[in-house]
C-alpha atoms as a PDB file:
ATOM      1  CA  MET A   1     130.083 139.774  75.906  1.00  0.00           C
ATOM      2  CA  ASP A   2     132.321 139.272  79.121  1.00  0.00           C
ATOM      3  CA  THR A   3     134.832 136.975  80.476  1.00  0.00           C
ATOM      4  CA  PRO A   4     136.517 136.620  84.199  1.00  0.00           C
ATOM      5  CA  THR A   5     138.284 140.237  83.559  1.00  0.00           C
ATOM      6  CA  TRP A   6     136.438 142.087  81.212  1.00  0.00           C
ATOM      7  CA  ILE A   7     133.127 143.426  80.045  1.00  0.00           C
ATOM      8  CA  ASN A   8     132.262 144.160  76.400  1.00  0.00           C
ATOM      9  CA  TYR A   9     129.450 146.115  75.802  1.00  0.00           C
ATOM     10  CA  VAL A  10     127.769 147.103  72.205  1.00  0.00           C
ATOM     11  CA  PHE A  11     125.419 149.600  71.943  1.00  0.00           C
ATOM     12  CA  TYR A  12     123.519 150.095  68.993  1.00  0.00           C
ATOM     13  CA  SER A  13     121.037 152.659  67.739  1.00  0.00           C
ATOM     14  CA  GLU A  14     118.995 153.579  64.277  1.00  0.00           C
ATOM     15  CA  ASN A  15     121.530 156.307  63.753  1.00  0.00           C
ATOM     16  CA  GLU A  16     124.839 154.676  63.336  1.00  0.00           C
ATOM     17  CA  ASP A  17     126.934 157.366  64.270  1.00  0.00           C
ATOM     18  CA  GLU A  18     125.752 157.085  67.873  1.00  0.00           C
ATOM     19  CA  SER A  19     126.252 153.277  67.922  1.00  0.00           C
ATOM     20  CA  TYR A  20     129.156 152.470  70.122  1.00  0.00           C
ATOM     21  CA  ASN A  21     131.360 149.917  72.042  1.00  0.00           C
ATOM     22  CA  HIS A  22     132.214 150.412  75.615  1.00  0.00           C
ATOM     23  CA  ILE A  23     134.697 147.892  76.892  1.00  0.00           C
ATOM     24  CA  GLU A  24     135.552 147.530  81.153  1.00  0.00           C
ATOM     25  CA  SER A  25     138.218 145.641  82.683  1.00  0.00           C
ATOM     26  CA  VAL A  26     137.212 144.577  86.086  1.00  0.00           C
ATOM     27  CA  SER A  27     138.862 142.257  88.341  1.00  0.00           C
ATOM     28  CA  PRO A  28     137.342 139.134  89.458  1.00  0.00           C
ATOM     29  CA  GLY A  29     135.368 139.536  92.780  1.00  0.00           C
ATOM     30  CA  GLU A  30     134.706 137.614  95.393  1.00  0.00           C
ATOM     31  CA  LEU A  31     131.418 135.076  96.174  1.00  0.00           C
ATOM     32  CA  ASN A  32     128.780 137.377  97.370  1.00  0.00           C
ATOM     33  CA  LEU A  33     125.509 136.302  97.389  1.00  0.00           C
ATOM     34  CA  GLY A  34     123.399 139.073  98.586  1.00  0.00           C
ATOM     35  CA  ALA A  35     124.452 141.409  96.090  1.00  0.00           C
ATOM     36  CA  LEU A  36     123.249 138.702  93.292  1.00  0.00           C
ATOM     37  CA  SER A  37     120.104 138.435  94.951  1.00  0.00           C
ATOM     38  CA  ARG A  38     119.366 141.563  95.075  1.00  0.00           C
ATOM     39  CA  SER A  39     120.840 142.419  91.702  1.00  0.00           C
ATOM     40  CA  VAL A  40     118.559 139.990  90.391  1.00  0.00           C
ATOM     41  CA  GLU A  41     115.755 141.456  92.330  1.00  0.00           C
ATOM     42  CA  ILE A  42     116.131 144.720  90.706  1.00  0.00           C
ATOM     43  CA  THR A  43     116.413 143.302  87.029  1.00  0.00           C
ATOM     44  CA  ASP A  44     113.233 141.385  87.532  1.00  0.00           C
ATOM     45  CA  HIS A  45     111.382 145.003  88.560  1.00  0.00           C
ATOM     46  CA  VAL A  46     112.490 146.553  85.620  1.00  0.00           C
ATOM     47  CA  LEU A  47     111.795 143.345  83.124  1.00  0.00           C
ATOM     48  CA  ASN A  48     108.282 143.841  84.726  1.00  0.00           C
ATOM     49  CA  ASP A  49     107.893 147.622  84.608  1.00  0.00           C
ATOM     50  CA  THR A  50     107.430 147.883  88.156  1.00  0.00           C
ATOM     51  CA  ILE A  51     110.277 150.813  88.337  1.00  0.00           C
ATOM     52  CA  ASP A  52     112.396 152.492  85.592  1.00  0.00           C
ATOM     53  CA  PHE A  53     115.817 152.447  84.861  1.00  0.00           C
ATOM     54  CA  ASP A  54     116.737 155.509  87.095  1.00  0.00           C
ATOM     55  CA  GLU A  55     115.540 153.713  90.064  1.00  0.00           C
ATOM     56  CA  ALA A  56     116.948 151.078  89.373  1.00  0.00           C
ATOM     57  CA  SER A  57     120.203 152.440  88.735  1.00  0.00           C
ATOM     58  CA  VAL A  58     120.042 153.765  92.338  1.00  0.00           C
ATOM     59  CA  GLN A  59     119.039 150.673  93.734  1.00  0.00           C
ATOM     60  CA  LEU A  60     122.293 149.009  92.294  1.00  0.00           C
ATOM     61  CA  ARG A  61     124.259 151.666  93.515  1.00  0.00           C
ATOM     62  CA  MET A  62     122.714 150.989  96.860  1.00  0.00           C
ATOM     63  CA  VAL A  63     123.570 147.265  96.570  1.00  0.00           C
ATOM     64  CA  TYR A  64     127.745 148.312  95.922  1.00  0.00           C
ATOM     65  CA  ILE A  65     127.384 150.696  99.125  1.00  0.00           C
ATOM     66  CA  GLU A  66     126.062 147.831 101.127  1.00  0.00           C
ATOM     67  CA  SER A  67     128.336 145.207  99.827  1.00  0.00           C
ATOM     68  CA  LYS A  68     131.449 147.180 101.434  1.00  0.00           C
ATOM     69  CA  LYS A  69     130.253 147.167 104.616  1.00  0.00           C
ATOM     70  CA  VAL A  70     131.514 144.430 106.797  1.00  0.00           C
ATOM     71  CA  ASN A  71     131.468 143.142 110.420  1.00  0.00           C
ATOM     72  CA  HIS A  72     134.390 142.156 111.518  1.00  0.00           C
ATOM     73  CA  LEU A  73     133.679 140.929 114.278  1.00  0.00           C
ATOM     74  CA  ILE A  74     131.006 138.371 113.135  1.00  0.00           C
ATOM     75  CA  LEU A  75     133.909 137.661 110.086  1.00  0.00           C
ATOM     76  CA  ALA A  76     136.394 136.471 112.418  1.00  0.00           C
ATOM     77  CA  LEU A  77     134.220 134.781 114.065  1.00  0.00           C
ATOM     78  CA  ALA A  78     133.318 132.954 110.896  1.00  0.00           C
ATOM     79  CA  PHE A  79     136.498 132.241 109.918  1.00  0.00           C
ATOM     80  CA  ALA A  80     137.643 130.674 113.229  1.00  0.00           C
ATOM     81  CA  PHE A  81     134.201 128.471 113.860  1.00  0.00           C
ATOM     82  CA  GLY A  82     134.647 127.468 109.892  1.00  0.00           C
ATOM     83  CA  ALA A  83     138.116 126.115 110.278  1.00  0.00           C
ATOM     84  CA  GLY A  84     137.112 124.809 114.092  1.00  0.00           C
ATOM     85  CA  SER A  85     134.061 123.332 112.013  1.00  0.00           C
ATOM     86  CA  PHE A  86     135.774 121.885 109.119  1.00  0.00           C
ATOM     87  CA  SER A  87     138.039 120.052 111.730  1.00  0.00           C
ATOM     88  CA  LEU A  88     135.260 118.645 113.057  1.00  0.00           C
ATOM     89  CA  LEU A  89     134.134 117.027 109.836  1.00  0.00           C
ATOM     90  CA  LEU A  90     137.558 115.591 109.464  1.00  0.00           C
ATOM     91  CA  GLY A  91     137.553 113.668 112.380  1.00  0.00           C
ATOM     92  CA  THR A  92     140.596 115.324 114.562  1.00  0.00           C
ATOM     93  CA  ASN A  93     140.405 115.805 117.921  1.00  0.00           C
ATOM     94  CA  TRP A  94     139.435 118.157 120.359  1.00  0.00           C
ATOM     95  CA  ILE A  95     143.084 120.084 120.552  1.00  0.00           C
ATOM     96  CA  SER A  96     143.247 120.224 117.167  1.00  0.00           C
ATOM     97  CA  CYS A  97     140.092 121.625 116.911  1.00  0.00           C
ATOM     98  CA  PHE A  98     140.480 124.475 119.381  1.00  0.00           C
ATOM     99  CA  VAL A  99     143.773 125.102 117.598  1.00  0.00           C
ATOM    100  CA  ALA A 100     142.383 125.135 114.084  1.00  0.00           C
ATOM    101  CA  CYS A 101     139.476 128.033 115.439  1.00  0.00           C
ATOM    102  CA  LEU A 102     142.372 129.593 116.665  1.00  0.00           C
ATOM    103  CA  MET A 103     144.103 129.660 113.031  1.00  0.00           C
ATOM    104  CA  GLY A 104     140.848 131.164 111.699  1.00  0.00           C
ATOM    105  CA  LEU A 105     141.409 133.819 113.535  1.00  0.00           C
ATOM    106  CA  VAL A 106     144.625 134.271 112.297  1.00  0.00           C
ATOM    107  CA  VAL A 107     143.857 133.926 108.584  1.00  0.00           C
ATOM    108  CA  TYR A 108     141.120 136.279 109.343  1.00  0.00           C
ATOM    109  CA  THR A 109     144.298 139.104 110.273  1.00  0.00           C
ATOM    110  CA  PHE A 110     145.886 138.758 106.873  1.00  0.00           C
ATOM    111  CA  THR A 111     142.246 138.673 105.351  1.00  0.00           C
ATOM    112  CA  TYR A 112     141.649 142.217 106.911  1.00  0.00           C
ATOM    113  CA  LEU A 113     145.114 143.156 106.305  1.00  0.00           C
ATOM    114  CA  SER A 114     144.905 142.389 102.665  1.00  0.00           C
ATOM    115  CA  ALA A 115     142.348 145.233 102.362  1.00  0.00           C
ATOM    116  CA  LYS A 116     145.148 147.422 103.412  1.00  0.00           C
ATOM    117  CA  SER A 117     148.030 146.247 101.911  1.00  0.00           C
ATOM    118  CA  GLU A 118     149.105 145.402  98.229  1.00  0.00           C
ATOM    119  CA  PHE A 119     151.512 143.176  98.779  1.00  0.00           C
ATOM    120  CA  VAL A 120     149.316 141.237 101.619  1.00  0.00           C
ATOM    121  CA  ASN A 121     146.850 141.284  98.946  1.00  0.00           C
ATOM    122  CA  ASN A 122     149.029 139.541  96.493  1.00  0.00           C
ATOM    123  CA  THR A 123     150.508 137.230  98.331  1.00  0.00           C
ATOM    124  CA  LEU A 124     147.546 136.323 100.646  1.00  0.00           C
ATOM    125  CA  GLU A 125     147.147 132.606 100.435  1.00  0.00           C
ATOM    126  CA  ALA A 126     150.520 131.737 100.618  1.00  0.00           C
ATOM    127  CA  LEU A 127     151.311 133.813 103.289  1.00  0.00           C
ATOM    128  CA  ALA A 128     148.031 132.907 105.390  1.00  0.00           C
ATOM    129  CA  ALA A 129     149.133 129.328 104.660  1.00  0.00           C
ATOM    130  CA  PHE A 130     152.911 129.995 105.933  1.00  0.00           C
ATOM    131  CA  VAL A 131     152.345 131.499 108.890  1.00  0.00           C
ATOM    132  CA  VAL A 132     149.611 128.997 110.216  1.00  0.00           C
ATOM    133  CA  THR A 133     151.800 126.374 109.447  1.00  0.00           C
ATOM    134  CA  ILE A 134     154.755 127.961 111.855  1.00  0.00           C
ATOM    135  CA  LEU A 135     152.347 128.666 114.344  1.00  0.00           C
ATOM    136  CA  ILE A 136     151.129 125.681 114.406  1.00  0.00           C
ATOM    137  CA  GLY A 137     154.191 123.685 114.344  1.00  0.00           C
ATOM    138  CA  LEU A 138     155.347 125.611 117.243  1.00  0.00           C
ATOM    139  CA  LEU A 139     152.325 124.942 119.487  1.00  0.00           C
ATOM    140  CA  SER A 140     152.930 121.270 118.475  1.00  0.00           C
ATOM    141  CA  LEU A 141     155.723 121.232 120.763  1.00  0.00           C
ATOM    142  CA  TRP A 142     153.542 121.633 123.997  1.00  0.00           C
ATOM    143  CA  LEU A 143     150.361 120.394 122.501  1.00  0.00           C
ATOM    144  CA  PRO A 144     152.084 117.163 120.743  1.00  0.00           C
ATOM    145  CA  ASN A 145     148.240 115.657 119.956  1.00  0.00           C
ATOM    146  CA  ILE A 146     147.460 118.459 117.301  1.00  0.00           C
ATOM    147  CA  ASN A 147     147.007 116.685 113.793  1.00  0.00           C
ATOM    148  CA  ILE A 148     149.666 119.196 112.038  1.00  0.00           C
ATOM    149  CA  PRO A 149     148.338 118.273 108.567  1.00  0.00           C
ATOM    150  CA  LEU A 150     144.663 118.516 109.243  1.00  0.00           C
ATOM    151  CA  THR A 151     144.712 121.455 111.743  1.00  0.00           C
ATOM    152  CA  ILE A 152     146.564 123.416 108.619  1.00  0.00           C
ATOM    153  CA  LEU A 153     144.370 122.498 105.876  1.00  0.00           C
ATOM    154  CA  SER A 154     141.283 123.222 108.491  1.00  0.00           C
ATOM    155  CA  ALA A 155     142.707 126.937 109.295  1.00  0.00           C
ATOM    156  CA  ILE A 156     142.916 127.540 105.574  1.00  0.00           C
ATOM    157  CA  ILE A 157     139.761 126.304 103.988  1.00  0.00           C
ATOM    158  CA  ILE A 158     138.322 129.155 103.277  1.00  0.00           C
ATOM    159  CA  PHE A 159     141.122 129.740 100.516  1.00  0.00           C
ATOM    160  CA  ILE A 160     140.752 126.365  99.071  1.00  0.00           C
ATOM    161  CA  PRO A 161     139.229 126.302  95.398  1.00  0.00           C
ATOM    162  CA  GLY A 162     137.193 123.449  95.216  1.00  0.00           C
ATOM    163  CA  LEU A 163     134.192 125.689  94.213  1.00  0.00           C
ATOM    164  CA  ALA A 164     136.463 127.631  91.766  1.00  0.00           C
ATOM    165  CA  LEU A 165     137.979 124.314  89.990  1.00  0.00           C
ATOM    166  CA  THR A 166     134.098 122.785  89.700  1.00  0.00           C
ATOM    167  CA  THR A 167     132.853 125.585  88.191  1.00  0.00           C
ATOM    168  CA  ALA A 168     135.980 126.191  85.908  1.00  0.00           C
ATOM    169  CA  LEU A 169     135.115 122.738  84.541  1.00  0.00           C
ATOM    170  CA  GLU A 170     131.434 123.192  84.042  1.00  0.00           C
ATOM    171  CA  GLU A 171     132.381 126.039  81.792  1.00  0.00           C
ATOM    172  CA  ILE A 172     134.809 124.641  80.298  1.00  0.00           C
ATOM    173  CA  THR A 173     131.958 121.371  79.462  1.00  0.00           C
ATOM    174  CA  TYR A 174     129.327 123.764  78.047  1.00  0.00           C
ATOM    175  CA  LYS A 175     132.332 124.902  75.521  1.00  0.00           C
ATOM    176  CA  SER A 176     132.800 128.560  77.518  1.00  0.00           C
ATOM    177  CA  LEU A 177     136.581 127.600  76.688  1.00  0.00           C
ATOM    178  CA  VAL A 178     138.180 131.126  77.348  1.00  0.00           C
ATOM    179  CA  SER A 179     136.008 131.968  80.859  1.00  0.00           C
ATOM    180  CA  GLY A 180     136.584 127.877  81.715  1.00  0.00           C
ATOM    181  CA  THR A 181     140.179 127.838  81.305  1.00  0.00           C
ATOM    182  CA  ALA A 182     141.013 131.217  82.647  1.00  0.00           C
ATOM    183  CA  LYS A 183     139.042 130.057  86.244  1.00  0.00           C
ATOM    184  CA  LEU A 184     140.893 126.531  85.857  1.00  0.00           C
ATOM    185  CA  PHE A 185     144.471 127.999  86.045  1.00  0.00           C
ATOM    186  CA  ASP A 186     143.425 131.077  88.504  1.00  0.00           C
ATOM    187  CA  ALA A 187     142.087 127.791  90.757  1.00  0.00           C
ATOM    188  CA  GLY A 188     145.323 125.937  90.055  1.00  0.00           C
ATOM    189  CA  VAL A 189     147.499 129.018  91.093  1.00  0.00           C
ATOM    190  CA  SER A 190     145.384 129.836  94.178  1.00  0.00           C
ATOM    191  CA  LEU A 191     146.244 126.162  95.444  1.00  0.00           C
ATOM    192  CA  PHE A 192     149.112 125.867  94.658  1.00  0.00           C
ATOM    193  CA  LYS A 193     150.351 129.133  96.707  1.00  0.00           C
ATOM    194  CA  GLN A 194     148.695 127.909  99.335  1.00  0.00           C
ATOM    195  CA  PHE A 195     150.701 124.446  99.165  1.00  0.00           C
ATOM    196  CA  PHE A 196     153.702 126.618  98.614  1.00  0.00           C
ATOM    197  CA  GLY A 197     153.475 128.435 101.730  1.00  0.00           C
ATOM    198  CA  THR A 198     152.400 125.112 103.979  1.00  0.00           C
ATOM    199  CA  ILE A 199     155.850 123.160 102.122  1.00  0.00           C
ATOM    200  CA  LEU A 200     157.543 126.990 103.235  1.00  0.00           C
ATOM    201  CA  GLY A 201     156.718 126.608 106.579  1.00  0.00           C
ATOM    202  CA  LEU A 202     157.040 122.591 107.579  1.00  0.00           C
ATOM    203  CA  SER A 203     160.402 123.088 105.394  1.00  0.00           C
ATOM    204  CA  VAL A 204     161.599 126.262 107.852  1.00  0.00           C
ATOM    205  CA  LEU A 205     160.135 124.407 111.061  1.00  0.00           C
ATOM    206  CA  PRO A 206     163.201 121.737 111.417  1.00  0.00           C
ATOM    207  CA  LEU A 207     165.703 124.510 111.469  1.00  0.00           C
ATOM    208  CA  PHE A 208     164.621 125.273 114.411  1.00  0.00           C
ATOM    209  CA  ILE A 209     162.808 122.262 115.915  1.00  0.00           C
ATOM    210  CA  ASP A 210     162.428 118.789 116.267  1.00  0.00           C
ATOM    211  CA  ILE A 211     158.974 118.232 114.480  1.00  0.00           C
ATOM    212  CA  ASN A 212     157.037 115.236 113.730  1.00  0.00           C
ATOM    213  CA  ILE A 213     154.041 114.782 111.481  1.00  0.00           C
ATOM    214  CA  ASN A 214     152.559 111.672 113.126  1.00  0.00           C
ATOM    215  CA  THR A 215     149.488 110.178 112.870  1.00  0.00           C
ATOM    216  CA  VAL A 216     147.312 111.434 115.230  1.00  0.00           C
ATOM    217  CA  VAL A 217     143.999 109.285 116.636  1.00  0.00           C
ATOM    218  CA  SER A 218     141.035 110.906 116.939  1.00  0.00           C
ATOM    219  CA  ASP A 219     139.449 110.812 120.421  1.00  0.00           C
ATOM    220  CA  MET A 220     135.920 112.490 118.999  1.00  0.00           C
ATOM    221  CA  PRO A 221     132.682 110.907 119.499  1.00  0.00           C
ATOM    222  CA  ILE A 222     130.968 110.651 115.881  1.00  0.00           C
ATOM    223  CA  TRP A 223     128.286 112.630 116.550  1.00  0.00           C
ATOM    224  CA  SER A 224     130.725 115.560 116.578  1.00  0.00           C
ATOM    225  CA  LYS A 225     131.825 114.981 112.923  1.00  0.00           C
ATOM    226  CA  TYR A 226     128.073 115.524 111.792  1.00  0.00           C
ATOM    227  CA  LEU A 227     127.656 118.969 114.250  1.00  0.00           C
ATOM    228  CA  GLY A 228     130.563 120.322 111.750  1.00  0.00           C
ATOM    229  CA  ILE A 229     128.245 120.303 108.672  1.00  0.00           C
ATOM    230  CA  PRO A 230     125.608 122.998 110.359  1.00  0.00           C
ATOM    231  CA  LEU A 231     128.124 124.829 112.275  1.00  0.00           C
ATOM    232  CA  LEU A 232     129.878 125.119 108.861  1.00  0.00           C
ATOM    233  CA  ALA A 233     126.982 126.016 106.879  1.00  0.00           C
ATOM    234  CA  VAL A 234     126.514 128.924 109.288  1.00  0.00           C
ATOM    235  CA  CYS A 235     129.976 130.191 109.415  1.00  0.00           C
ATOM    236  CA  LEU A 236     129.403 130.756 104.990  1.00  0.00           C
ATOM    237  CA  LEU A 237     126.554 132.701 105.518  1.00  0.00           C
ATOM    238  CA  PRO A 238     128.502 136.165 106.703  1.00  0.00           C
ATOM    239  CA  ILE A 239     131.375 134.893 104.404  1.00  0.00           C
ATOM    240  CA  PHE A 240     129.158 134.912 101.130  1.00  0.00           C
ATOM    241  CA  GLN A 241     127.132 137.817 103.018  1.00  0.00           C
ATOM    242  CA  VAL A 242     123.747 135.767 102.452  1.00  0.00           C
ATOM    243  CA  ARG A 243     120.546 138.009 102.805  1.00  0.00           C
ATOM    244  CA  ARG A 244     118.852 137.008 106.308  1.00  0.00           C
ATOM    245  CA  LYS A 245     115.396 136.056 103.921  1.00  0.00           C
ATOM    246  CA  ASP A 246     117.623 133.438 102.483  1.00  0.00           C
ATOM    247  CA  MET A 247     119.982 132.103 105.663  1.00  0.00           C
ATOM    248  CA  ILE A 248     117.619 129.189 106.871  1.00  0.00           C
ATOM    249  CA  TYR A 249     117.497 127.654 103.524  1.00  0.00           C
ATOM    250  CA  GLY A 250     120.945 128.102 102.600  1.00  0.00           C
ATOM    251  CA  ILE A 251     121.301 126.117 105.816  1.00  0.00           C
ATOM    252  CA  LEU A 252     119.123 123.135 104.894  1.00  0.00           C
ATOM    253  CA  THR A 253     120.432 123.089 101.358  1.00  0.00           C
ATOM    254  CA  CYS A 254     124.257 122.320 103.406  1.00  0.00           C
ATOM    255  CA  ILE A 255     122.441 119.926 105.578  1.00  0.00           C
ATOM    256  CA  ILE A 256     120.446 117.885 102.698  1.00  0.00           C
ATOM    257  CA  SER A 257     123.581 118.289 100.412  1.00  0.00           C
ATOM    258  CA  TYR A 258     125.896 116.652 102.909  1.00  0.00           C
ATOM    259  CA  SER A 259     123.520 113.734 104.292  1.00  0.00           C
ATOM    260  CA  VAL A 260     122.444 112.604 100.799  1.00  0.00           C
ATOM    261  CA  THR A 261     126.042 112.002  99.871  1.00  0.00           C
ATOM    262  CA  VAL A 262     126.504 110.330 103.267  1.00  0.00           C
ATOM    263  CA  LEU A 263     123.445 108.463 103.183  1.00  0.00           C
ATOM    264  CA  LEU A 264     124.488 106.720  99.702  1.00  0.00           C
ATOM    265  CA  SER A 265     128.046 106.222  99.922  1.00  0.00           C
ATOM    266  CA  PHE A 266     127.047 102.763  99.944  1.00  0.00           C
ATOM    267  CA  THR A 267     127.173 102.884  96.426  1.00  0.00           C
ATOM    268  CA  GLY A 268     130.118 104.640  96.041  1.00  0.00           C
ATOM    269  CA  ILE A 269     131.500 107.954  96.023  1.00  0.00           C
ATOM    270  CA  LEU A 270     130.682 108.711  92.365  1.00  0.00           C
ATOM    271  CA  ILE A 271     127.256 107.763  92.297  1.00  0.00           C
ATOM    272  CA  SER A 272     126.766 109.363  95.923  1.00  0.00           C
ATOM    273  CA  THR A 273     128.287 112.591  95.043  1.00  0.00           C
ATOM    274  CA  PHE A 274     126.041 112.550  91.490  1.00  0.00           C
ATOM    275  CA  ILE A 275     123.177 112.274  92.898  1.00  0.00           C
ATOM    276  CA  GLY A 276     123.857 114.929  95.645  1.00  0.00           C
ATOM    277  CA  SER A 277     124.321 117.499  93.204  1.00  0.00           C
ATOM    278  CA  ILE A 278     121.003 116.798  91.562  1.00  0.00           C
ATOM    279  CA  THR A 279     119.613 116.713  94.659  1.00  0.00           C
ATOM    280  CA  VAL A 280     121.529 119.850  95.696  1.00  0.00           C
ATOM    281  CA  VAL A 281     119.547 121.411  92.240  1.00  0.00           C
ATOM    282  CA  LEU A 282     115.931 120.293  93.001  1.00  0.00           C
ATOM    283  CA  VAL A 283     116.106 121.477  96.552  1.00  0.00           C
ATOM    284  CA  SER A 284     117.668 124.824  95.565  1.00  0.00           C
ATOM    285  CA  HIS A 285     114.694 124.993  92.603  1.00  0.00           C
ATOM    286  CA  LEU A 286     112.280 124.463  95.683  1.00  0.00           C
ATOM    287  CA  PHE A 287     113.591 127.180  97.563  1.00  0.00           C
ATOM    288  CA  SER A 288     114.015 129.585  94.987  1.00  0.00           C
ATOM    289  CA  HIS A 289     110.736 129.529  94.287  1.00  0.00           C
ATOM    290  CA  ILE A 290     110.226 129.946  98.045  1.00  0.00           C
ATOM    291  CA  THR A 291     112.157 132.576  98.693  1.00  0.00           C
ATOM    292  CA  ARG A 292     112.070 134.694  95.130  1.00  0.00           C
ATOM    293  CA  SER A 293     116.119 134.373  95.167  1.00  0.00           C
ATOM    294  CA  PRO A 294     118.013 133.025  92.227  1.00  0.00           C
ATOM    295  CA  ARG A 295     118.832 129.579  92.437  1.00  0.00           C
ATOM    296  CA  HIS A 296     122.374 129.799  92.418  1.00  0.00           C
ATOM    297  CA  VAL A 297     122.183 131.343  96.126  1.00  0.00           C
ATOM    298  CA  PHE A 298     121.249 127.662  97.378  1.00  0.00           C
ATOM    299  CA  ILE A 299     123.120 125.826  94.969  1.00  0.00           C
ATOM    300  CA  THR A 300     126.773 127.308  95.370  1.00  0.00           C
ATOM    301  CA  GLN A 301     126.306 126.904  99.532  1.00  0.00           C
ATOM    302  CA  GLY A 302     125.111 123.364  98.456  1.00  0.00           C
ATOM    303  CA  ILE A 303     127.458 122.277  96.025  1.00  0.00           C
ATOM    304  CA  ILE A 304     130.277 123.646  98.661  1.00  0.00           C
ATOM    305  CA  MET A 305     129.843 120.642 100.851  1.00  0.00           C
ATOM    306  CA  LEU A 306     130.733 117.887  97.854  1.00  0.00           C
ATOM    307  CA  VAL A 307     133.596 119.974  96.071  1.00  0.00           C
ATOM    308  CA  PRO A 308     137.038 117.607  96.582  1.00  0.00           C
ATOM    309  CA  GLY A 309     138.986 120.839  97.181  1.00  0.00           C
ATOM    310  CA  SER A 310     140.432 119.830 100.507  1.00  0.00           C
ATOM    311  CA  LYS A 311     140.669 116.284  99.253  1.00  0.00           C
ATOM    312  CA  ALA A 312     143.205 117.609  96.273  1.00  0.00           C
ATOM    313  CA  PHE A 313     145.307 119.639  99.112  1.00  0.00           C
ATOM    314  CA  MET A 314     145.571 116.637 101.297  1.00  0.00           C
ATOM    315  CA  GLY A 315     146.492 114.478  97.625  1.00  0.00           C
ATOM    316  CA  ILE A 316     149.335 116.658  96.887  1.00  0.00           C
ATOM    317  CA  SER A 317     150.723 116.848 100.797  1.00  0.00           C
ATOM    318  CA  THR A 318     150.721 112.766 100.608  1.00  0.00           C
ATOM    319  CA  VAL A 319     152.699 113.056  97.383  1.00  0.00           C
ATOM    320  CA  PHE A 320     154.990 115.694  98.689  1.00  0.00           C
ATOM    321  CA  LEU A 321     155.276 114.724 102.338  1.00  0.00           C
ATOM    322  CA  GLY A 322     156.013 111.250 101.434  1.00  0.00           C
ATOM    323  CA  SER A 323     153.524 109.620 103.715  1.00  0.00           C
ATOM    324  CA  PRO A 324     149.663 110.145 103.962  1.00  0.00           C
ATOM    325  CA  ILE A 325     147.676 112.541 105.911  1.00  0.00           C
ATOM    326  CA  GLU A 326     144.450 111.063 105.778  1.00  0.00           C
ATOM    327  CA  SER A 327     144.004 107.317 106.512  1.00  0.00           C
ATOM    328  CA  ALA A 328     141.995 106.980 103.176  1.00  0.00           C
ATOM    329  CA  GLY A 329     142.521 105.025  99.960  1.00  0.00           C
ATOM    330  CA  ASN A 330     143.842 106.783  96.995  1.00  0.00           C
ATOM    331  CA  LEU A 331     142.738 110.273  97.292  1.00  0.00           C
ATOM    332  CA  GLY A 332     143.944 111.254  93.520  1.00  0.00           C
ATOM    333  CA  SER A 333     141.025 109.205  92.084  1.00  0.00           C
ATOM    334  CA  GLN A 334     138.680 110.490  94.834  1.00  0.00           C
ATOM    335  CA  VAL A 335     139.230 113.804  93.644  1.00  0.00           C
ATOM    336  CA  ALA A 336     138.439 112.658  90.048  1.00  0.00           C
ATOM    337  CA  TYR A 337     134.985 111.221  90.768  1.00  0.00           C
ATOM    338  CA  ILE A 338     133.768 113.594  93.349  1.00  0.00           C
ATOM    339  CA  LEU A 339     134.462 116.423  90.152  1.00  0.00           C
ATOM    340  CA  MET A 340     132.874 114.265  87.634  1.00  0.00           C
ATOM    341  CA  GLY A 341     129.900 113.819  90.355  1.00  0.00           C
ATOM    342  CA  VAL A 342     129.522 117.178  90.847  1.00  0.00           C
ATOM    343  CA  VAL A 343     130.212 118.710  87.226  1.00  0.00           C
ATOM    344  CA  GLY A 344     127.817 115.320  85.780  1.00  0.00           C
ATOM    345  CA  GLY A 345     125.226 116.702  88.376  1.00  0.00           C
ATOM    346  CA  LEU A 346     125.093 120.174  87.298  1.00  0.00           C
ATOM    347  CA  LEU A 347     125.275 119.146  83.935  1.00  0.00           C
ATOM    348  CA  PHE A 348     122.021 116.736  83.760  1.00  0.00           C
ATOM    349  CA  THR A 349     119.854 119.415  85.613  1.00  0.00           C
ATOM    350  CA  GLY A 350     120.843 122.187  83.279  1.00  0.00           C
ATOM    351  CA  SER A 351     121.919 124.539  86.040  1.00  0.00           C
ATOM    352  CA  PHE A 352     124.592 126.007  84.346  1.00  0.00           C
ATOM    353  CA  ASN A 353     123.010 127.109  81.018  1.00  0.00           C
ATOM    354  CA  THR A 354     119.506 128.406  82.568  1.00  0.00           C
ATOM    355  CA  LYS A 355     118.540 131.464  84.183  1.00  0.00           C
END
């Protein structure tokens, strides 16, 4: 039996004196789709009697060692271009996109330092959001065309817990109440920390400079917005440590996921997201059959394109800043519809409670 922070093993033996329980405390980890794929592959080999337990133990140890190897240059570029590509998706402007890329590097710097300092690790989301907000506010003095709120959001998008919110609600729906509730609360606290850092920065800036959060008209062509999807999909690969054999299929899943919702946008946000979620699962089944990797490797990448974490952040910002930061309708209802669409799609496809 497992929860988000501990695992309870029960080992039975014909001799009752040799039966025992083992409880292991574990910290919630990060998404590592490459390690997931390799672990499932090793498990399948054991079940098929291709390898024995001793060899499987050695291979699992190698998977763990490989997961600790980090190419900081590639990750830094992934954070930078990931922030820039999300800025493209939001339809800001070229200046905002460029600044978002720079701020993505700043966010990765704090992510790197979090592994060295316990203080930075505990305050990572709030600290990164605060520093990014201050830097963007200062840059707006020389670059007045920066879309400040959306550039801040683009810079910290990697921390926005949209996928965690969706997974938590899905688990609660399947009656996994302990795990789902814990993940939901954790995602809510994470979102709160990011928003706290942003609001703190926006509150500190007026003490030193005159800053006005004005609506900035986008000057970007429509094709640039669609360019953001494959670029963001590519940037997610090193962040989630996707295996090379799964990379192309992961990118295709992201593109298909977003394209379906755009093509069906005339049906409304609920139906388009619902069908988009079902499409992601079906496509992931196909790619899983081709690559022999777990379907969740592709489902995770595809669902990320649908989750409403960014809209939740913008909705909260609208409430506290007193003016909308995006020219959209009711963001609160949009978040609810997207969540219902994603969870409903995963429910009807049975992706959560199947192998």
